[in-house]
Amino acid sequence: MSDAPVFSSRAEPPKVALLMTRPQEGSLRFVALLPAEILAHLEVIHAPLMQVTPFGAEVDLTGYQGVIFTSANGVAAARSAPTALPAFCVGQRTTQAAEQAGWQAQYCGASAAELIAHLAKVRPATPLLHLHGRHTRGDIAQTLSAAGLPCEGQMIYDQQLLSPSDEATQRILAQDAVIAPLFSPRTARHFACLGLDQVNLSLIALSQAVAAELKGLNYKDLQVSKTPDANSMAVMVRDAAVRLAHLEGGNPAQ
């Protein structure tokens, strides 16, 4: 039997908006994870709050025994692997991007803390190089070096904050219900300052660190993803859409 959601026969369900704040490519990739039956009843509003800009400088890997990537943005900014070095990655998406770029990609956990614990256990050859953006969390290079795994960091891209256009802002404020998945603490902090807080917002945070930046915001609902990955976030968006659009048979996650 299909578990695809269907409309309640009692009334036509309301239209629900999905507010995507990631850069365009990441937003489109996330939306593609949602079932077609759900998307048919969602109005997707693209309002990127961050723009990733690679510095374009050549990365000198001389002497390093491996690199660390904590996002697919870092992989893109580093370009293709110049040598067959191992790449220790945070997240499945980052790992896939590194593998496609020619690195010997290894998944090392869903967070910086899990990556650090993994590397401290397996003790890879060093020194390592963490290729990251201007804004980063976790003090990976410092923490690994303190654990006896020499590691340096190199900034290879910038993450510039953006504000929604006037048109996007008006569309957001005009909605009866808005689902807004938020994927980073910095984006969440920026979102909280935009004046978009209102009772029609159903917020879904990637992690507790993201949720912490939304305290004091006026919203209808705030949930934290069970695991910090896109697939788990997509399940929560689906469940929120089922609930808000009065769909039945959506088999919400337990």
Protein backbone atom coordinates (compact mmCIF):
# COMPACT_ATOMS: atom_id res chain seq x y z
CA MET A 1 0.00 0.00 0.00
CA SER A 2 1.34 3.44 -0.90
CA ASP A 3 2.12 5.81 1.98
CA ALA A 4 1.89 8.89 -0.28
CA PRO A 5 -0.02 11.69 1.48
CA VAL A 6 -3.51 12.52 0.27
CA PHE A 7 -5.81 15.43 0.93
CA SER A 8 -8.42 15.27 3.60
CA SER A 9 -11.82 15.26 1.93
CA ARG A 10 -13.16 17.76 4.45
CA ALA A 11 -11.69 20.86 2.81
CA GLU A 12 -9.11 22.04 0.33
CA PRO A 13 -5.80 22.16 2.27
CA PRO A 14 -3.95 25.46 2.63
CA LYS A 15 -0.89 26.19 0.53
CA VAL A 16 2.30 25.98 2.59
CA ALA A 17 5.53 27.78 1.72
CA LEU A 18 8.99 26.26 1.99
CA LEU A 19 11.60 28.95 2.59
CA MET A 20 15.04 27.92 1.31
CA THR A 21 17.88 30.07 2.65
CA ARG A 22 20.85 28.09 1.33
CA PRO A 23 22.80 29.11 -1.79
CA GLN A 24 20.85 28.19 -4.91
CA GLU A 25 22.66 24.93 -5.75
CA GLY A 26 22.32 23.58 -2.23
CA SER A 27 18.67 24.62 -2.05
CA LEU A 28 17.79 22.88 -5.31
CA ARG A 29 19.61 19.75 -4.16
CA PHE A 30 17.65 19.75 -0.90
CA VAL A 31 14.27 20.35 -2.54
CA ALA A 32 14.96 17.37 -4.83
CA LEU A 33 14.97 15.14 -1.73
CA LEU A 34 11.29 15.85 -1.07
CA PRO A 35 8.56 13.57 -2.47
CA ALA A 36 6.71 14.90 -5.52
CA GLU A 37 3.40 14.49 -3.64
CA ILE A 38 4.65 16.92 -1.00
CA LEU A 39 6.18 19.41 -3.45
CA ALA A 40 2.85 19.64 -5.28
CA HIS A 41 1.43 21.38 -2.21
CA LEU A 42 4.43 23.55 -1.32
CA GLU A 43 5.29 26.98 -2.65
CA VAL A 44 9.09 27.08 -2.67
CA ILE A 45 10.56 30.52 -1.95
CA HIS A 46 14.29 30.84 -2.68
CA ALA A 47 15.89 33.55 -0.53
CA PRO A 48 19.61 32.72 -0.13
CA LEU A 49 21.09 34.22 3.02
CA MET A 50 24.67 33.31 2.16
CA GLN A 51 26.92 33.51 -0.88
CA VAL A 52 30.06 31.39 -1.11
CA THR A 53 32.99 33.03 -2.91
CA PRO A 54 36.22 31.03 -3.48
CA PHE A 55 39.40 33.07 -3.15
CA GLY A 56 40.85 31.34 -6.22
CA ALA A 57 44.34 30.97 -4.74
CA GLU A 58 46.27 27.80 -5.50
CA VAL A 59 46.41 25.40 -2.56
CA ASP A 60 49.96 24.28 -1.82
CA LEU A 61 49.82 20.75 -0.44
CA THR A 62 53.57 20.19 -0.32
CA GLY A 63 54.47 18.16 2.76
CA TYR A 64 50.92 17.43 3.85
CA GLN A 65 49.75 13.84 4.26
CA GLY A 66 46.03 14.53 4.00
CA VAL A 67 43.38 17.24 3.92
CA ILE A 68 40.23 17.86 5.93
CA PHE A 69 36.97 19.10 4.43
CA THR A 70 34.08 20.13 6.65
CA SER A 71 31.75 21.18 3.83
CA ALA A 72 31.21 20.65 0.11
CA ASN A 73 32.00 24.37 -0.29
CA GLY A 74 35.57 23.64 0.72
CA VAL A 75 35.81 20.85 -1.83
CA ALA A 76 34.52 23.14 -4.58
CA ALA A 77 36.92 25.93 -3.63
CA ALA A 78 39.89 23.53 -3.56
CA ARG A 79 38.96 22.21 -7.03
CA SER A 80 40.14 18.82 -8.22
CA ALA A 81 42.64 16.84 -6.19
CA PRO A 82 46.18 17.53 -7.48
CA THR A 83 47.51 14.35 -5.87
CA ALA A 84 46.07 11.12 -4.47
CA LEU A 85 45.88 12.47 -0.92
CA PRO A 86 43.28 11.20 1.53
CA ALA A 87 40.50 13.65 2.33
CA PHE A 88 38.90 13.30 5.77
CA CYS A 89 35.35 14.62 5.51
CA VAL A 90 32.44 15.74 7.66
CA GLY A 91 29.08 14.66 6.26
CA GLN A 92 27.99 12.36 3.47
CA ARG A 93 27.51 15.20 0.99
CA THR A 94 31.04 16.51 1.59
CA THR A 95 32.44 13.00 1.24
CA GLN A 96 30.64 12.46 -2.07
CA ALA A 97 31.83 15.82 -3.41
CA ALA A 98 35.44 15.05 -2.45
CA GLU A 99 35.27 11.62 -4.06
CA GLN A 100 33.90 13.13 -7.27
CA ALA A 101 36.72 15.68 -7.27
CA GLY A 102 39.32 12.91 -7.19
CA TRP A 103 40.29 12.85 -3.53
CA GLN A 104 40.59 9.60 -1.57
CA ALA A 105 37.54 10.61 0.42
CA GLN A 106 36.76 9.11 3.82
CA TYR A 107 33.58 9.79 5.78
CA CYS A 108 34.60 10.68 9.34
CA GLY A 109 31.32 11.59 10.97
CA ALA A 110 28.45 14.04 10.79
CA SER A 111 30.08 16.84 12.80
CA ALA A 112 33.46 18.39 13.53
CA ALA A 113 33.46 16.70 16.95
CA GLU A 114 32.92 13.28 15.37
CA LEU A 115 35.69 13.90 12.84
CA ILE A 116 38.13 14.89 15.59
CA ALA A 117 37.25 11.79 17.63
CA HIS A 118 37.64 9.56 14.56
CA LEU A 119 41.05 10.95 13.60
CA ALA A 120 42.26 10.79 17.20
CA LYS A 121 41.40 7.09 17.14
CA VAL A 122 42.78 6.05 13.73
CA ARG A 123 45.89 8.31 13.92
CA PRO A 124 46.43 9.05 10.20
CA ALA A 125 49.77 10.18 8.79
CA THR A 126 50.42 13.86 9.45
CA PRO A 127 50.65 16.82 9.02
CA LEU A 128 47.10 17.50 7.86
CA LEU A 129 45.60 20.60 6.27
CA HIS A 130 42.05 21.78 7.01
CA LEU A 131 40.70 23.68 3.99
CA HIS A 132 37.87 25.89 5.23
CA GLY A 133 35.94 29.13 4.85
CA ARG A 134 36.44 32.45 6.59
CA HIS A 135 33.84 31.46 9.18
CA THR A 136 34.36 28.05 10.75
CA ARG A 137 33.55 26.24 13.98
CA GLY A 138 35.18 23.57 16.08
CA ASP A 139 38.87 24.69 16.13
CA ILE A 140 39.73 21.51 14.25
CA ALA A 141 43.37 22.27 13.47
CA GLN A 142 44.12 23.42 17.03
CA THR A 143 42.30 20.51 18.65
CA LEU A 144 43.97 17.88 16.47
CA SER A 145 47.41 19.42 17.00
CA ALA A 146 46.85 19.37 20.77
CA ALA A 147 45.97 15.67 20.43
CA GLY A 148 49.33 14.93 18.79
CA LEU A 149 48.12 15.12 15.18
CA PRO A 150 49.82 18.17 13.63
CA CYS A 151 47.27 20.08 11.57
CA GLU A 152 47.11 23.52 10.01
CA GLY A 153 44.17 25.46 8.61
CA GLN A 154 43.92 27.41 5.38
CA MET A 155 41.07 29.75 4.47
CA ILE A 156 40.10 29.22 0.83
CA TYR A 157 36.64 30.81 0.50
CA ASP A 158 34.39 33.45 2.02
CA GLN A 159 30.78 33.15 3.18
CA GLN A 160 29.06 36.50 2.67
CA LEU A 161 25.69 37.11 4.32
CA LEU A 162 22.79 38.24 2.13
CA SER A 163 19.35 39.67 2.83
CA PRO A 164 16.19 38.58 1.01
CA SER A 165 14.94 40.80 -1.80
CA ASP A 166 11.91 43.00 -1.14
CA GLU A 167 9.85 40.66 -3.33
CA ALA A 168 10.94 37.56 -1.39
CA THR A 169 10.29 39.31 1.92
CA GLN A 170 6.76 40.23 0.89
CA ARG A 171 6.08 36.67 -0.26
CA ILE A 172 7.31 35.30 3.07
CA LEU A 173 5.21 37.71 5.14
CA ALA A 174 2.10 37.02 3.04
CA GLN A 175 2.06 33.26 3.72
CA ASP A 176 -0.29 31.52 6.11
CA ALA A 177 2.35 28.91 6.93
CA VAL A 178 6.10 28.88 6.23
CA ILE A 179 8.49 25.98 6.81
CA ALA A 180 12.06 27.25 7.14
CA PRO A 181 14.89 24.68 7.42
CA LEU A 182 18.10 26.29 8.71
CA PHE A 183 21.45 24.60 8.25
CA SER A 184 24.12 26.61 10.07
CA PRO A 185 24.41 28.66 13.27
CA ARG A 186 25.64 31.72 11.35
CA THR A 187 22.72 31.61 8.91
CA ALA A 188 20.27 31.10 11.77
CA ARG A 189 21.73 34.06 13.66
CA HIS A 190 21.40 36.21 10.53
CA PHE A 191 17.84 34.96 9.94
CA ALA A 192 16.90 35.92 13.50
CA CYS A 193 17.89 39.55 12.76
CA LEU A 194 15.86 39.98 9.56
CA GLY A 195 12.50 40.86 11.12
CA LEU A 196 10.77 37.89 9.51
CA ASP A 197 9.80 36.34 12.82
CA GLN A 198 6.08 35.73 13.05
CA VAL A 199 3.59 33.11 14.17
CA ASN A 200 3.40 31.48 10.71
CA LEU A 201 6.99 30.17 10.92
CA SER A 202 7.75 26.51 11.48
CA LEU A 203 11.52 26.33 11.94
CA ILE A 204 13.61 23.20 11.53
CA ALA A 205 17.20 23.41 12.80
CA LEU A 206 20.01 21.12 11.67
CA SER A 207 21.40 20.89 15.21
CA GLN A 208 21.09 22.25 18.73
CA ALA A 209 23.81 24.78 17.86
CA VAL A 210 21.60 26.11 15.05
CA ALA A 211 18.50 26.14 17.28
CA ALA A 212 20.36 28.11 19.96
CA GLU A 213 20.71 31.04 17.57
CA LEU A 214 16.91 31.26 17.17
CA LYS A 215 16.08 31.88 20.82
CA GLY A 216 13.82 34.88 21.31
CA LEU A 217 12.45 34.66 17.77
CA ASN A 218 8.68 34.71 17.36
CA TYR A 219 7.63 31.48 15.64
CA LYS A 220 4.92 28.84 15.56
CA ASP A 221 7.19 25.83 16.04
CA LEU A 222 10.88 24.93 16.32
CA GLN A 223 12.19 21.41 15.87
CA VAL A 224 15.74 20.05 15.81
CA SER A 225 16.78 17.40 13.31
CA LYS A 226 17.44 13.99 14.85
CA THR A 227 20.72 13.77 12.93
CA PRO A 228 22.62 16.68 11.34
CA ASP A 229 22.19 15.74 7.68
CA ALA A 230 20.05 16.72 4.71
CA ASN A 231 18.08 13.47 4.58
CA SER A 232 16.90 13.82 8.17
CA MET A 233 16.03 17.48 7.55
CA ALA A 234 14.02 16.49 4.46
CA VAL A 235 12.01 13.97 6.51
CA MET A 236 11.18 16.69 9.04
CA VAL A 237 10.17 19.13 6.30
CA ARG A 238 7.92 16.44 4.82
CA ASP A 239 6.29 15.77 8.18
CA ALA A 240 5.77 19.50 8.79
CA ALA A 241 4.17 19.87 5.36
CA VAL A 242 1.84 16.94 6.04
CA ARG A 243 0.79 18.53 9.31
CA LEU A 244 0.42 22.12 8.08
CA ALA A 245 -1.27 21.34 4.76
CA HIS A 246 -3.72 18.96 6.46
CA LEU A 247 -2.54 16.02 4.37
CA GLU A 248 -3.37 12.49 5.47
CA GLY A 249 -1.39 9.28 5.14
CA GLY A 250 1.99 10.99 5.13
CA ASN A 251 3.49 8.47 7.57
CA PRO A 252 5.29 11.08 9.71
CA ALA A 253 8.60 10.06 11.23
CA GLN A 254 8.43 8.65 14.73
